[in-house]
Amino acid sequence: MAIDVEALKSGNSRALAKAITLVESKRVEHRTEAQLLLEQVLPVTGNSIRIGITGIPGVGKSTFIEAFGLYLLSQGMRVAVLAVDPSSPIAGGSILGDKTRMELLSRSKDAFIRPSPSEGSLGGVAQKTRETMLLCEAAGYNVILVETVGVGQSEYEVASMVDFFMVLMLPNAGDELQGIKKGIIELADALVINKADGESINLAQQTRRHYENALHLLRQNSFWTPQVMSCSALKNENIEAIWGMISGFKIDASKNGALQEKRARQAREWMTKLLHEMLDMKLKQNPEVKELLPTLNNKVTEGETTPYLAASQLINLLFKPEA
């Protein structure tokens, strides 16, 4: 699949779409080709701010992303929106459906909206999103918004690939974590209470104080203290302030080296994860392992051997001990 690298670097959306299709392909020859392409564009990547956005269904993610994206466009930015949904992008209401609800944003030549497929071989959805993010950066998009649908493993995946992780909340001070796990709150660089308009303004202020108090109890190991803000994406209120907060984060993180350190750590952790997955794949493809695995499964189930000894036997088939 021939990709015009120069067209991609110049921001050509057709070249970018074609490159992403190559990255998403399951064919072995395409995967090799995709990695060579990524190596070619690596020198011109890394110049964006990568922002993860999550929140429970109904919190207004699509409305927020469109309002936020349109504001960024008005400031001369180029914006890419990527969706991560490991469960089901079609049934789960991801950007596959949201694109129609982001009508104004999707019309702009400086905006690019793309869902990540849930299926895929090595690395699954997170692999495709990470690589798509690099291609978008190579194409000159300087703000990458990575949206995750629902609340679960996808939040941790997104937090591990972005610079700034934002959790959208509803104005509801009484509902302590609104179905969002405490661990996800601990990952957040900012909590943003959306729908702070009309009769919900006072409730939004209460919710904001509630979360400010809750965040004070969490130990911070970073230069950054997580912020709690409120906005109305529907009425376009306080969107500018949210971008101001994120810009401040990027400036500080770049100055003190935290941003570079975070990205380097994410790349190392991702390499380690891929290494584990590749070894697992090699193991399962080994004919001797395939033959012995059912027997060892039965032995472990019946208590005839320990899981450790069974695993060692399988590993020794892949890596023959030297005589």
C-alpha atoms as a PDB file:
ATOM      1  CA  MET A   1       0.000   0.000   0.000  1.00  0.00           C
ATOM      2  CA  ALA A   2       1.901   3.062  -1.261  1.00  0.00           C
ATOM      3  CA  ILE A   3       1.766   6.025   1.127  1.00  0.00           C
ATOM      4  CA  ASP A   4       2.902   9.456  -0.026  1.00  0.00           C
ATOM      5  CA  VAL A   5       4.997  10.427   3.014  1.00  0.00           C
ATOM      6  CA  GLU A   6       5.530  14.016   1.849  1.00  0.00           C
ATOM      7  CA  ALA A   7       1.775  14.482   1.318  1.00  0.00           C
ATOM      8  CA  LEU A   8       1.194  13.071   4.799  1.00  0.00           C
ATOM      9  CA  LYS A   9       3.724  15.478   6.343  1.00  0.00           C
ATOM     10  CA  SER A  10       2.126  18.393   4.521  1.00  0.00           C
ATOM     11  CA  GLY A  11      -1.210  17.614   6.196  1.00  0.00           C
ATOM     12  CA  ASN A  12      -3.020  15.951   3.297  1.00  0.00           C
ATOM     13  CA  SER A  13      -6.076  14.286   4.869  1.00  0.00           C
ATOM     14  CA  ARG A  14      -6.342  11.586   2.168  1.00  0.00           C
ATOM     15  CA  ALA A  15      -2.714  10.544   2.759  1.00  0.00           C
ATOM     16  CA  LEU A  16      -3.353  10.515   6.526  1.00  0.00           C
ATOM     17  CA  ALA A  17      -6.511   8.389   6.176  1.00  0.00           C
ATOM     18  CA  LYS A  18      -4.649   5.951   3.919  1.00  0.00           C
ATOM     19  CA  ALA A  19      -1.740   5.734   6.393  1.00  0.00           C
ATOM     20  CA  ILE A  20      -4.143   5.006   9.269  1.00  0.00           C
ATOM     21  CA  THR A  21      -5.839   2.278   7.207  1.00  0.00           C
ATOM     22  CA  LEU A  22      -2.389   0.731   6.702  1.00  0.00           C
ATOM     23  CA  VAL A  23      -1.695   0.861  10.465  1.00  0.00           C
ATOM     24  CA  GLU A  24      -5.080  -0.754  11.190  1.00  0.00           C
ATOM     25  CA  SER A  25      -4.580  -3.588   8.692  1.00  0.00           C
ATOM     26  CA  LYS A  26      -4.210  -7.115  10.104  1.00  0.00           C
ATOM     27  CA  ARG A  27      -2.098  -8.364   7.197  1.00  0.00           C
ATOM     28  CA  VAL A  28       1.469  -9.240   8.188  1.00  0.00           C
ATOM     29  CA  GLU A  29       3.037  -7.437   5.223  1.00  0.00           C
ATOM     30  CA  HIS A  30       0.997  -4.310   6.018  1.00  0.00           C
ATOM     31  CA  ARG A  31       2.143  -4.368   9.640  1.00  0.00           C
ATOM     32  CA  THR A  32       5.787  -4.407   8.525  1.00  0.00           C
ATOM     33  CA  GLU A  33       5.072  -1.629   6.020  1.00  0.00           C
ATOM     34  CA  ALA A  34       3.269   0.395   8.710  1.00  0.00           C
ATOM     35  CA  GLN A  35       6.218   0.156  11.111  1.00  0.00           C
ATOM     36  CA  LEU A  36       8.610   1.344   8.395  1.00  0.00           C
ATOM     37  CA  LEU A  37       6.281   4.288   7.696  1.00  0.00           C
ATOM     38  CA  LEU A  38       6.126   5.158  11.406  1.00  0.00           C
ATOM     39  CA  GLU A  39       9.940   5.107  11.604  1.00  0.00           C
ATOM     40  CA  GLN A  40      10.065   7.526   8.665  1.00  0.00           C
ATOM     41  CA  VAL A  41       7.720  10.029  10.305  1.00  0.00           C
ATOM     42  CA  LEU A  42       8.987   9.689  13.899  1.00  0.00           C
ATOM     43  CA  PRO A  43      11.326  12.725  13.602  1.00  0.00           C
ATOM     44  CA  VAL A  44       8.342  15.027  12.966  1.00  0.00           C
ATOM     45  CA  THR A  45       6.092  13.609  15.719  1.00  0.00           C
ATOM     46  CA  GLY A  46       5.772  14.627  19.356  1.00  0.00           C
ATOM     47  CA  ASN A  47       4.891  18.277  18.736  1.00  0.00           C
ATOM     48  CA  SER A  48       1.289  18.062  19.909  1.00  0.00           C
ATOM     49  CA  ILE A  49      -0.421  18.091  23.282  1.00  0.00           C
ATOM     50  CA  ARG A  50      -2.142  14.727  23.778  1.00  0.00           C
ATOM     51  CA  ILE A  51      -5.321  15.025  25.846  1.00  0.00           C
ATOM     52  CA  GLY A  52      -7.377  12.077  27.113  1.00  0.00           C
ATOM     53  CA  ILE A  53     -11.083  12.698  27.798  1.00  0.00           C
ATOM     54  CA  THR A  54     -13.393  10.312  29.645  1.00  0.00           C
ATOM     55  CA  GLY A  55     -16.650  10.350  31.581  1.00  0.00           C
ATOM     56  CA  ILE A  56     -19.753   8.303  32.190  1.00  0.00           C
ATOM     57  CA  PRO A  57     -22.431   8.063  29.446  1.00  0.00           C
ATOM     58  CA  GLY A  58     -24.648  11.135  29.444  1.00  0.00           C
ATOM     59  CA  VAL A  59     -21.972  13.499  30.713  1.00  0.00           C
ATOM     60  CA  GLY A  60     -21.864  15.278  27.344  1.00  0.00           C
ATOM     61  CA  LYS A  61     -18.512  14.150  25.930  1.00  0.00           C
ATOM     62  CA  SER A  62     -19.499  14.718  22.300  1.00  0.00           C
ATOM     63  CA  THR A  63     -20.883  18.192  23.007  1.00  0.00           C
ATOM     64  CA  PHE A  64     -17.795  19.068  25.042  1.00  0.00           C
ATOM     65  CA  ILE A  65     -15.351  17.765  22.413  1.00  0.00           C
ATOM     66  CA  GLU A  66     -17.122  19.705  19.662  1.00  0.00           C
ATOM     67  CA  ALA A  67     -17.205  22.953  21.706  1.00  0.00           C
ATOM     68  CA  PHE A  68     -13.586  22.475  22.824  1.00  0.00           C
ATOM     69  CA  GLY A  69     -12.442  21.520  19.313  1.00  0.00           C
ATOM     70  CA  LEU A  70     -14.173  24.519  17.700  1.00  0.00           C
ATOM     71  CA  TYR A  71     -12.548  26.846  20.245  1.00  0.00           C
ATOM     72  CA  LEU A  72      -9.123  25.365  19.461  1.00  0.00           C
ATOM     73  CA  LEU A  73      -9.742  25.830  15.727  1.00  0.00           C
ATOM     74  CA  SER A  74     -10.608  29.488  16.387  1.00  0.00           C
ATOM     75  CA  GLN A  75      -7.184  29.809  18.039  1.00  0.00           C
ATOM     76  CA  GLY A  76      -5.432  28.554  14.908  1.00  0.00           C
ATOM     77  CA  MET A  77      -4.929  24.970  16.124  1.00  0.00           C
ATOM     78  CA  ARG A  78      -5.382  21.797  14.085  1.00  0.00           C
ATOM     79  CA  VAL A  79      -7.336  19.164  16.023  1.00  0.00           C
ATOM     80  CA  ALA A  80      -7.490  15.362  15.716  1.00  0.00           C
ATOM     81  CA  VAL A  81     -10.140  13.410  17.652  1.00  0.00           C
ATOM     82  CA  LEU A  82      -9.548   9.685  18.198  1.00  0.00           C
ATOM     83  CA  ALA A  83     -11.885   7.265  19.969  1.00  0.00           C
ATOM     84  CA  VAL A  84     -10.923   4.287  22.100  1.00  0.00           C
ATOM     85  CA  ASP A  85     -13.590   1.712  22.898  1.00  0.00           C
ATOM     86  CA  PRO A  86     -12.283  -1.842  23.463  1.00  0.00           C
ATOM     87  CA  SER A  87     -15.787  -3.236  23.977  1.00  0.00           C
ATOM     88  CA  SER A  88     -17.825  -2.213  20.937  1.00  0.00           C
ATOM     89  CA  PRO A  89     -17.424   1.026  19.027  1.00  0.00           C
ATOM     90  CA  ILE A  90     -20.668   0.408  17.165  1.00  0.00           C
ATOM     91  CA  ALA A  91     -23.003  -0.512  20.032  1.00  0.00           C
ATOM     92  CA  GLY A  92     -21.116   1.502  22.639  1.00  0.00           C
ATOM     93  CA  GLY A  93     -21.855   4.904  21.128  1.00  0.00           C
ATOM     94  CA  SER A  94     -18.292   5.876  20.337  1.00  0.00           C
ATOM     95  CA  ILE A  95     -17.117   8.477  17.829  1.00  0.00           C
ATOM     96  CA  LEU A  96     -18.397   6.162  15.080  1.00  0.00           C
ATOM     97  CA  GLY A  97     -21.782   7.497  16.099  1.00  0.00           C
ATOM     98  CA  ASP A  98     -20.579  10.754  17.620  1.00  0.00           C
ATOM     99  CA  LYS A  99     -19.106  12.012  14.353  1.00  0.00           C
ATOM    100  CA  THR A 100     -22.611  12.890  13.212  1.00  0.00           C
ATOM    101  CA  ARG A 101     -23.148  14.748  16.497  1.00  0.00           C
ATOM    102  CA  MET A 102     -19.913  16.701  15.959  1.00  0.00           C
ATOM    103  CA  GLU A 103     -21.202  18.037  12.681  1.00  0.00           C
ATOM    104  CA  LEU A 104     -19.546  21.480  12.826  1.00  0.00           C
ATOM    105  CA  LEU A 105     -16.194  20.105  13.950  1.00  0.00           C
ATOM    106  CA  SER A 106     -16.135  17.338  11.345  1.00  0.00           C
ATOM    107  CA  ARG A 107     -16.760  19.874   8.558  1.00  0.00           C
ATOM    108  CA  SER A 108     -13.556  21.795   9.254  1.00  0.00           C
ATOM    109  CA  LYS A 109     -10.497  21.130   7.096  1.00  0.00           C
ATOM    110  CA  ASP A 110      -8.361  21.600  10.244  1.00  0.00           C
ATOM    111  CA  ALA A 111     -10.159  18.854  12.195  1.00  0.00           C
ATOM    112  CA  PHE A 112      -9.797  15.096  11.789  1.00  0.00           C
ATOM    113  CA  ILE A 113     -12.129  12.618  13.516  1.00  0.00           C
ATOM    114  CA  ARG A 114     -11.367   8.897  13.552  1.00  0.00           C
ATOM    115  CA  PRO A 115     -12.530   5.923  15.666  1.00  0.00           C
ATOM    116  CA  SER A 116     -10.166   3.092  16.594  1.00  0.00           C
ATOM    117  CA  PRO A 117     -11.343  -0.416  15.691  1.00  0.00           C
ATOM    118  CA  SER A 118     -11.964  -2.617  18.698  1.00  0.00           C
ATOM    119  CA  GLU A 119     -10.593  -5.768  17.143  1.00  0.00           C
ATOM    120  CA  GLY A 120      -7.054  -6.264  15.955  1.00  0.00           C
ATOM    121  CA  SER A 121      -4.063  -8.420  16.606  1.00  0.00           C
ATOM    122  CA  LEU A 122      -1.068  -7.379  18.612  1.00  0.00           C
ATOM    123  CA  GLY A 123      -1.745  -4.594  21.078  1.00  0.00           C
ATOM    124  CA  GLY A 124      -5.421  -4.353  20.170  1.00  0.00           C
ATOM    125  CA  VAL A 125      -7.137  -0.987  20.194  1.00  0.00           C
ATOM    126  CA  ALA A 126      -4.458   0.831  22.179  1.00  0.00           C
ATOM    127  CA  GLN A 127      -1.788  -0.122  19.629  1.00  0.00           C
ATOM    128  CA  LYS A 128      -3.816   1.336  16.770  1.00  0.00           C
ATOM    129  CA  THR A 129      -4.614   4.521  18.684  1.00  0.00           C
ATOM    130  CA  ARG A 130      -0.971   5.133  19.664  1.00  0.00           C
ATOM    131  CA  GLU A 131       0.189   4.691  16.089  1.00  0.00           C
ATOM    132  CA  THR A 132      -2.684   6.787  14.683  1.00  0.00           C
ATOM    133  CA  MET A 133      -1.736   9.521  17.148  1.00  0.00           C
ATOM    134  CA  LEU A 134       1.830   9.590  15.748  1.00  0.00           C
ATOM    135  CA  LEU A 135       0.506   9.814  12.181  1.00  0.00           C
ATOM    136  CA  CYS A 136      -1.774  12.722  13.138  1.00  0.00           C
ATOM    137  CA  GLU A 137       1.188  14.521  14.695  1.00  0.00           C
ATOM    138  CA  ALA A 138       3.230  13.925  11.534  1.00  0.00           C
ATOM    139  CA  ALA A 139       0.354  15.462   9.545  1.00  0.00           C
ATOM    140  CA  GLY A 140       0.599  18.638  11.632  1.00  0.00           C
ATOM    141  CA  TYR A 141      -2.275  18.231  14.108  1.00  0.00           C
ATOM    142  CA  ASN A 142      -1.079  20.000  17.245  1.00  0.00           C
ATOM    143  CA  VAL A 143      -3.903  18.969  19.591  1.00  0.00           C
ATOM    144  CA  ILE A 144      -4.835  15.278  19.808  1.00  0.00           C
ATOM    145  CA  LEU A 145      -8.027  14.475  21.742  1.00  0.00           C
ATOM    146  CA  VAL A 146      -8.332  10.808  22.694  1.00  0.00           C
ATOM    147  CA  GLU A 147     -11.863  10.040  23.826  1.00  0.00           C
ATOM    148  CA  THR A 148     -12.812   6.886  25.688  1.00  0.00           C
ATOM    149  CA  VAL A 149     -16.369   5.617  25.897  1.00  0.00           C
ATOM    150  CA  GLY A 150     -17.686   4.050  29.071  1.00  0.00           C
ATOM    151  CA  VAL A 151     -15.723   3.488  32.249  1.00  0.00           C
ATOM    152  CA  GLY A 152     -13.298   0.608  32.595  1.00  0.00           C
ATOM    153  CA  GLN A 153     -10.006  -0.685  31.249  1.00  0.00           C
ATOM    154  CA  SER A 154     -10.035   1.794  28.346  1.00  0.00           C
ATOM    155  CA  GLU A 155      -9.473   4.685  30.796  1.00  0.00           C
ATOM    156  CA  TYR A 156      -6.206   3.162  31.985  1.00  0.00           C
ATOM    157  CA  GLU A 157      -5.164   2.519  28.384  1.00  0.00           C
ATOM    158  CA  VAL A 158      -5.841   6.138  27.422  1.00  0.00           C
ATOM    159  CA  ALA A 159      -4.125   7.574  30.519  1.00  0.00           C
ATOM    160  CA  SER A 160      -1.011   5.579  29.570  1.00  0.00           C
ATOM    161  CA  MET A 161      -0.727   7.254  26.148  1.00  0.00           C
ATOM    162  CA  VAL A 162      -1.631  10.917  26.768  1.00  0.00           C
ATOM    163  CA  ASP A 163       0.033  13.953  28.357  1.00  0.00           C
ATOM    164  CA  PHE A 164      -3.072  15.249  30.122  1.00  0.00           C
ATOM    165  CA  PHE A 165      -6.011  13.136  31.325  1.00  0.00           C
ATOM    166  CA  MET A 166      -9.367  14.822  31.904  1.00  0.00           C
ATOM    167  CA  VAL A 167     -12.465  13.306  33.521  1.00  0.00           C
ATOM    168  CA  LEU A 168     -15.818  14.927  32.729  1.00  0.00           C
ATOM    169  CA  MET A 169     -18.338  14.872  35.586  1.00  0.00           C
ATOM    170  CA  LEU A 170     -22.001  15.724  36.068  1.00  0.00           C
ATOM    171  CA  PRO A 171     -23.220  18.356  38.587  1.00  0.00           C
ATOM    172  CA  ASN A 172     -24.268  15.898  41.260  1.00  0.00           C
ATOM    173  CA  ALA A 173     -22.477  16.429  44.563  1.00  0.00           C
ATOM    174  CA  GLY A 174     -24.357  13.660  46.343  1.00  0.00           C
ATOM    175  CA  ASP A 175     -23.347  10.872  43.971  1.00  0.00           C
ATOM    176  CA  GLU A 176     -19.793  10.532  45.189  1.00  0.00           C
ATOM    177  CA  LEU A 177     -17.938   8.947  42.278  1.00  0.00           C
ATOM    178  CA  GLN A 178     -20.752   8.685  39.728  1.00  0.00           C
ATOM    179  CA  GLY A 179     -19.789   5.154  38.758  1.00  0.00           C
ATOM    180  CA  ILE A 180     -16.191   6.161  38.080  1.00  0.00           C
ATOM    181  CA  LYS A 181     -13.592   4.068  39.861  1.00  0.00           C
ATOM    182  CA  LYS A 182     -11.404   5.765  42.459  1.00  0.00           C
ATOM    183  CA  GLY A 183      -8.340   4.658  40.504  1.00  0.00           C
ATOM    184  CA  ILE A 184      -9.486   6.661  37.497  1.00  0.00           C
ATOM    185  CA  ILE A 185      -9.904   9.786  39.639  1.00  0.00           C
ATOM    186  CA  GLU A 186      -6.318   9.256  40.802  1.00  0.00           C
ATOM    187  CA  LEU A 187      -5.181   9.227  37.164  1.00  0.00           C
ATOM    188  CA  ALA A 188      -6.926  12.528  36.407  1.00  0.00           C
ATOM    189  CA  ASP A 189      -5.017  15.751  35.826  1.00  0.00           C
ATOM    190  CA  ALA A 190      -8.337  17.604  35.871  1.00  0.00           C
ATOM    191  CA  LEU A 191     -11.962  16.980  36.748  1.00  0.00           C
ATOM    192  CA  VAL A 192     -14.323  19.092  34.652  1.00  0.00           C
ATOM    193  CA  ILE A 193     -17.940  19.398  35.727  1.00  0.00           C
ATOM    194  CA  ASN A 194     -19.962  19.798  32.537  1.00  0.00           C
ATOM    195  CA  LYS A 195     -23.577  20.983  32.207  1.00  0.00           C
ATOM    196  CA  ALA A 196     -22.977  23.792  34.735  1.00  0.00           C
ATOM    197  CA  ASP A 197     -25.870  25.865  33.425  1.00  0.00           C
ATOM    198  CA  GLY A 198     -29.463  26.772  34.248  1.00  0.00           C
ATOM    199  CA  GLU A 199     -30.721  25.220  37.475  1.00  0.00           C
ATOM    200  CA  SER A 200     -27.576  23.099  37.776  1.00  0.00           C
ATOM    201  CA  ILE A 201     -25.183  26.028  38.404  1.00  0.00           C
ATOM    202  CA  ASN A 202     -25.418  25.872  42.218  1.00  0.00           C
ATOM    203  CA  LEU A 203     -25.187  22.084  42.179  1.00  0.00           C
ATOM    204  CA  ALA A 204     -22.105  22.320  39.952  1.00  0.00           C
ATOM    205  CA  GLN A 205     -20.445  24.664  42.460  1.00  0.00           C
ATOM    206  CA  GLN A 206     -21.185  22.214  45.300  1.00  0.00           C
ATOM    207  CA  THR A 207     -19.833  19.344  43.210  1.00  0.00           C
ATOM    208  CA  ARG A 208     -16.687  21.320  42.467  1.00  0.00           C
ATOM    209  CA  ARG A 209     -16.023  21.951  46.187  1.00  0.00           C
ATOM    210  CA  HIS A 210     -16.734  18.291  46.923  1.00  0.00           C
ATOM    211  CA  TYR A 211     -14.137  17.091  44.428  1.00  0.00           C
ATOM    212  CA  GLU A 212     -11.576  19.722  45.411  1.00  0.00           C
ATOM    213  CA  ASN A 213     -11.774  18.386  48.978  1.00  0.00           C
ATOM    214  CA  ALA A 214     -11.595  14.774  47.747  1.00  0.00           C
ATOM    215  CA  LEU A 215      -8.506  15.456  45.593  1.00  0.00           C
ATOM    216  CA  HIS A 216      -6.683  17.036  48.549  1.00  0.00           C
ATOM    217  CA  LEU A 217      -6.795  13.635  50.249  1.00  0.00           C
ATOM    218  CA  LEU A 218      -4.976  11.947  47.362  1.00  0.00           C
ATOM    219  CA  ARG A 219      -1.192  11.917  47.495  1.00  0.00           C
ATOM    220  CA  GLN A 220       0.352  13.842  44.621  1.00  0.00           C
ATOM    221  CA  ASN A 221       3.733  12.664  43.354  1.00  0.00           C
ATOM    222  CA  SER A 222       3.864  15.161  40.509  1.00  0.00           C
ATOM    223  CA  PHE A 223       4.677  18.842  40.021  1.00  0.00           C
ATOM    224  CA  TRP A 224       1.033  19.259  38.986  1.00  0.00           C
ATOM    225  CA  THR A 225      -1.911  19.561  41.371  1.00  0.00           C
ATOM    226  CA  PRO A 226      -5.075  18.204  39.695  1.00  0.00           C
ATOM    227  CA  GLN A 227      -7.587  20.953  38.997  1.00  0.00           C
ATOM    228  CA  VAL A 228     -11.373  20.955  39.339  1.00  0.00           C
ATOM    229  CA  MET A 229     -13.263  23.190  36.926  1.00  0.00           C
ATOM    230  CA  SER A 230     -16.807  23.597  35.662  1.00  0.00           C
ATOM    231  CA  CYS A 231     -18.169  24.485  32.232  1.00  0.00           C
ATOM    232  CA  SER A 232     -21.186  24.411  29.986  1.00  0.00           C
ATOM    233  CA  ALA A 233     -20.259  22.881  26.650  1.00  0.00           C
ATOM    234  CA  LEU A 234     -23.820  23.500  25.428  1.00  0.00           C
ATOM    235  CA  LYS A 235     -23.567  27.252  26.128  1.00  0.00           C
ATOM    236  CA  ASN A 236     -19.843  27.445  25.313  1.00  0.00           C
ATOM    237  CA  GLU A 237     -19.020  28.753  28.783  1.00  0.00           C
ATOM    238  CA  ASN A 238     -15.588  28.409  30.432  1.00  0.00           C
ATOM    239  CA  ILE A 239     -14.127  26.439  27.498  1.00  0.00           C
ATOM    240  CA  GLU A 240     -11.373  29.039  27.108  1.00  0.00           C
ATOM    241  CA  ALA A 241     -10.402  28.659  30.788  1.00  0.00           C
ATOM    242  CA  ILE A 242     -10.076  24.885  30.406  1.00  0.00           C
ATOM    243  CA  TRP A 243      -7.693  25.336  27.472  1.00  0.00           C
ATOM    244  CA  GLY A 244      -5.790  27.918  29.547  1.00  0.00           C
ATOM    245  CA  MET A 245      -5.347  25.331  32.306  1.00  0.00           C
ATOM    246  CA  ILE A 246      -4.094  22.667  29.860  1.00  0.00           C
ATOM    247  CA  SER A 247      -1.739  25.156  28.162  1.00  0.00           C
ATOM    248  CA  GLY A 248      -0.333  26.058  31.584  1.00  0.00           C
ATOM    249  CA  PHE A 249       0.220  22.387  32.322  1.00  0.00           C
ATOM    250  CA  LYS A 250       2.077  21.882  29.039  1.00  0.00           C
ATOM    251  CA  ILE A 251       4.317  24.929  29.563  1.00  0.00           C
ATOM    252  CA  ASP A 252       5.257  23.864  33.110  1.00  0.00           C
ATOM    253  CA  ALA A 253       5.686  20.184  32.182  1.00  0.00           C
ATOM    254  CA  SER A 254       7.918  21.081  29.226  1.00  0.00           C
ATOM    255  CA  LYS A 255      10.061  23.479  31.272  1.00  0.00           C
ATOM    256  CA  ASN A 256      10.775  21.045  34.101  1.00  0.00           C
ATOM    257  CA  GLY A 257      11.222  18.012  31.831  1.00  0.00           C
ATOM    258  CA  ALA A 258       8.148  16.181  33.212  1.00  0.00           C
ATOM    259  CA  LEU A 259       6.501  15.949  29.785  1.00  0.00           C
ATOM    260  CA  GLN A 260       9.541  14.387  28.092  1.00  0.00           C
ATOM    261  CA  GLU A 261      10.033  12.046  31.036  1.00  0.00           C
ATOM    262  CA  LYS A 262       6.375  10.965  30.966  1.00  0.00           C
ATOM    263  CA  ARG A 263       6.434  10.235  27.230  1.00  0.00           C
ATOM    264  CA  ALA A 264       9.707   8.313  27.534  1.00  0.00           C
ATOM    265  CA  ARG A 265       8.255   6.226  30.384  1.00  0.00           C
ATOM    266  CA  GLN A 266       5.075   5.547  28.399  1.00  0.00           C
ATOM    267  CA  ALA A 267       7.138   4.388  25.405  1.00  0.00           C
ATOM    268  CA  ARG A 268       9.236   2.036  27.590  1.00  0.00           C
ATOM    269  CA  GLU A 269       6.150   0.599  29.301  1.00  0.00           C
ATOM    270  CA  TRP A 270       4.463   0.104  25.936  1.00  0.00           C
ATOM    271  CA  MET A 271       7.512  -1.707  24.557  1.00  0.00           C
ATOM    272  CA  THR A 272       7.503  -4.021  27.598  1.00  0.00           C
ATOM    273  CA  LYS A 273       3.792  -4.734  27.152  1.00  0.00           C
ATOM    274  CA  LEU A 274       4.288  -5.518  23.454  1.00  0.00           C
ATOM    275  CA  LEU A 275       7.234  -7.762  24.302  1.00  0.00           C
ATOM    276  CA  HIS A 276       5.023  -9.793  26.662  1.00  0.00           C
ATOM    277  CA  GLU A 277       2.297 -10.050  24.018  1.00  0.00           C
ATOM    278  CA  MET A 278       4.761 -11.100  21.311  1.00  0.00           C
ATOM    279  CA  LEU A 279       6.220 -13.809  23.562  1.00  0.00           C
ATOM    280  CA  ASP A 280       2.714 -15.021  24.415  1.00  0.00           C
ATOM    281  CA  MET A 281       1.883 -15.202  20.685  1.00  0.00           C
ATOM    282  CA  LYS A 282       5.109 -17.081  19.879  1.00  0.00           C
ATOM    283  CA  LEU A 283       4.392 -19.501  22.701  1.00  0.00           C
ATOM    284  CA  LYS A 284       0.860 -20.240  21.500  1.00  0.00           C
ATOM    285  CA  GLN A 285       2.043 -20.709  17.908  1.00  0.00           C
ATOM    286  CA  ASN A 286       4.701 -23.268  18.873  1.00  0.00           C
ATOM    287  CA  PRO A 287       3.538 -26.762  17.713  1.00  0.00           C
ATOM    288  CA  GLU A 288       5.043 -28.574  20.739  1.00  0.00           C
ATOM    289  CA  VAL A 289       3.378 -26.110  23.115  1.00  0.00           C
ATOM    290  CA  LYS A 290       0.030 -26.560  21.329  1.00  0.00           C
ATOM    291  CA  GLU A 291       0.311 -30.316  21.750  1.00  0.00           C
ATOM    292  CA  LEU A 292       1.337 -30.288  25.417  1.00  0.00           C
ATOM    293  CA  LEU A 293      -0.911 -27.459  26.651  1.00  0.00           C
ATOM    294  CA  PRO A 294      -4.182 -29.470  27.028  1.00  0.00           C
ATOM    295  CA  THR A 295      -2.360 -32.182  29.037  1.00  0.00           C
ATOM    296  CA  LEU A 296      -0.773 -29.640  31.373  1.00  0.00           C
ATOM    297  CA  ASN A 297      -4.086 -27.790  31.749  1.00  0.00           C
ATOM    298  CA  ASN A 298      -5.659 -31.046  32.954  1.00  0.00           C
ATOM    299  CA  LYS A 299      -2.763 -31.800  35.316  1.00  0.00           C
ATOM    300  CA  VAL A 300      -2.969 -28.337  36.887  1.00  0.00           C
ATOM    301  CA  THR A 301      -6.768 -28.636  37.182  1.00  0.00           C
ATOM    302  CA  GLU A 302      -6.503 -32.065  38.838  1.00  0.00           C
ATOM    303  CA  GLY A 303      -3.741 -30.900  41.188  1.00  0.00           C
ATOM    304  CA  GLU A 304      -1.185 -33.308  39.685  1.00  0.00           C
ATOM    305  CA  THR A 305       1.387 -30.556  39.125  1.00  0.00           C
ATOM    306  CA  THR A 306       1.877 -26.938  40.135  1.00  0.00           C
ATOM    307  CA  PRO A 307       1.107 -24.047  37.762  1.00  0.00           C
ATOM    308  CA  TYR A 308       4.752 -22.948  38.075  1.00  0.00           C
ATOM    309  CA  LEU A 309       6.136 -26.317  36.938  1.00  0.00           C
ATOM    310  CA  ALA A 310       3.611 -26.507  34.087  1.00  0.00           C
ATOM    311  CA  ALA A 311       4.531 -23.010  32.896  1.00  0.00           C
ATOM    312  CA  SER A 312       8.245 -23.858  33.122  1.00  0.00           C
ATOM    313  CA  GLN A 313       7.729 -26.916  30.919  1.00  0.00           C
ATOM    314  CA  LEU A 314       6.030 -24.812  28.261  1.00  0.00           C
ATOM    315  CA  ILE A 315       8.693 -22.077  28.384  1.00  0.00           C
ATOM    316  CA  ASN A 316      11.444 -24.697  28.055  1.00  0.00           C
ATOM    317  CA  LEU A 317       9.819 -25.898  24.826  1.00  0.00           C
ATOM    318  CA  LEU A 318      10.109 -22.401  23.376  1.00  0.00           C
ATOM    319  CA  PHE A 319      13.566 -21.670  24.757  1.00  0.00           C
ATOM    320  CA  LYS A 320      15.427 -24.980  24.707  1.00  0.00           C
ATOM    321  CA  PRO A 321      17.873 -25.092  27.651  1.00  0.00           C
ATOM    322  CA  GLU A 322      21.473 -25.273  26.481  1.00  0.00           C
ATOM    323  CA  ALA A 323      23.050 -28.690  26.830  1.00  0.00           C
END
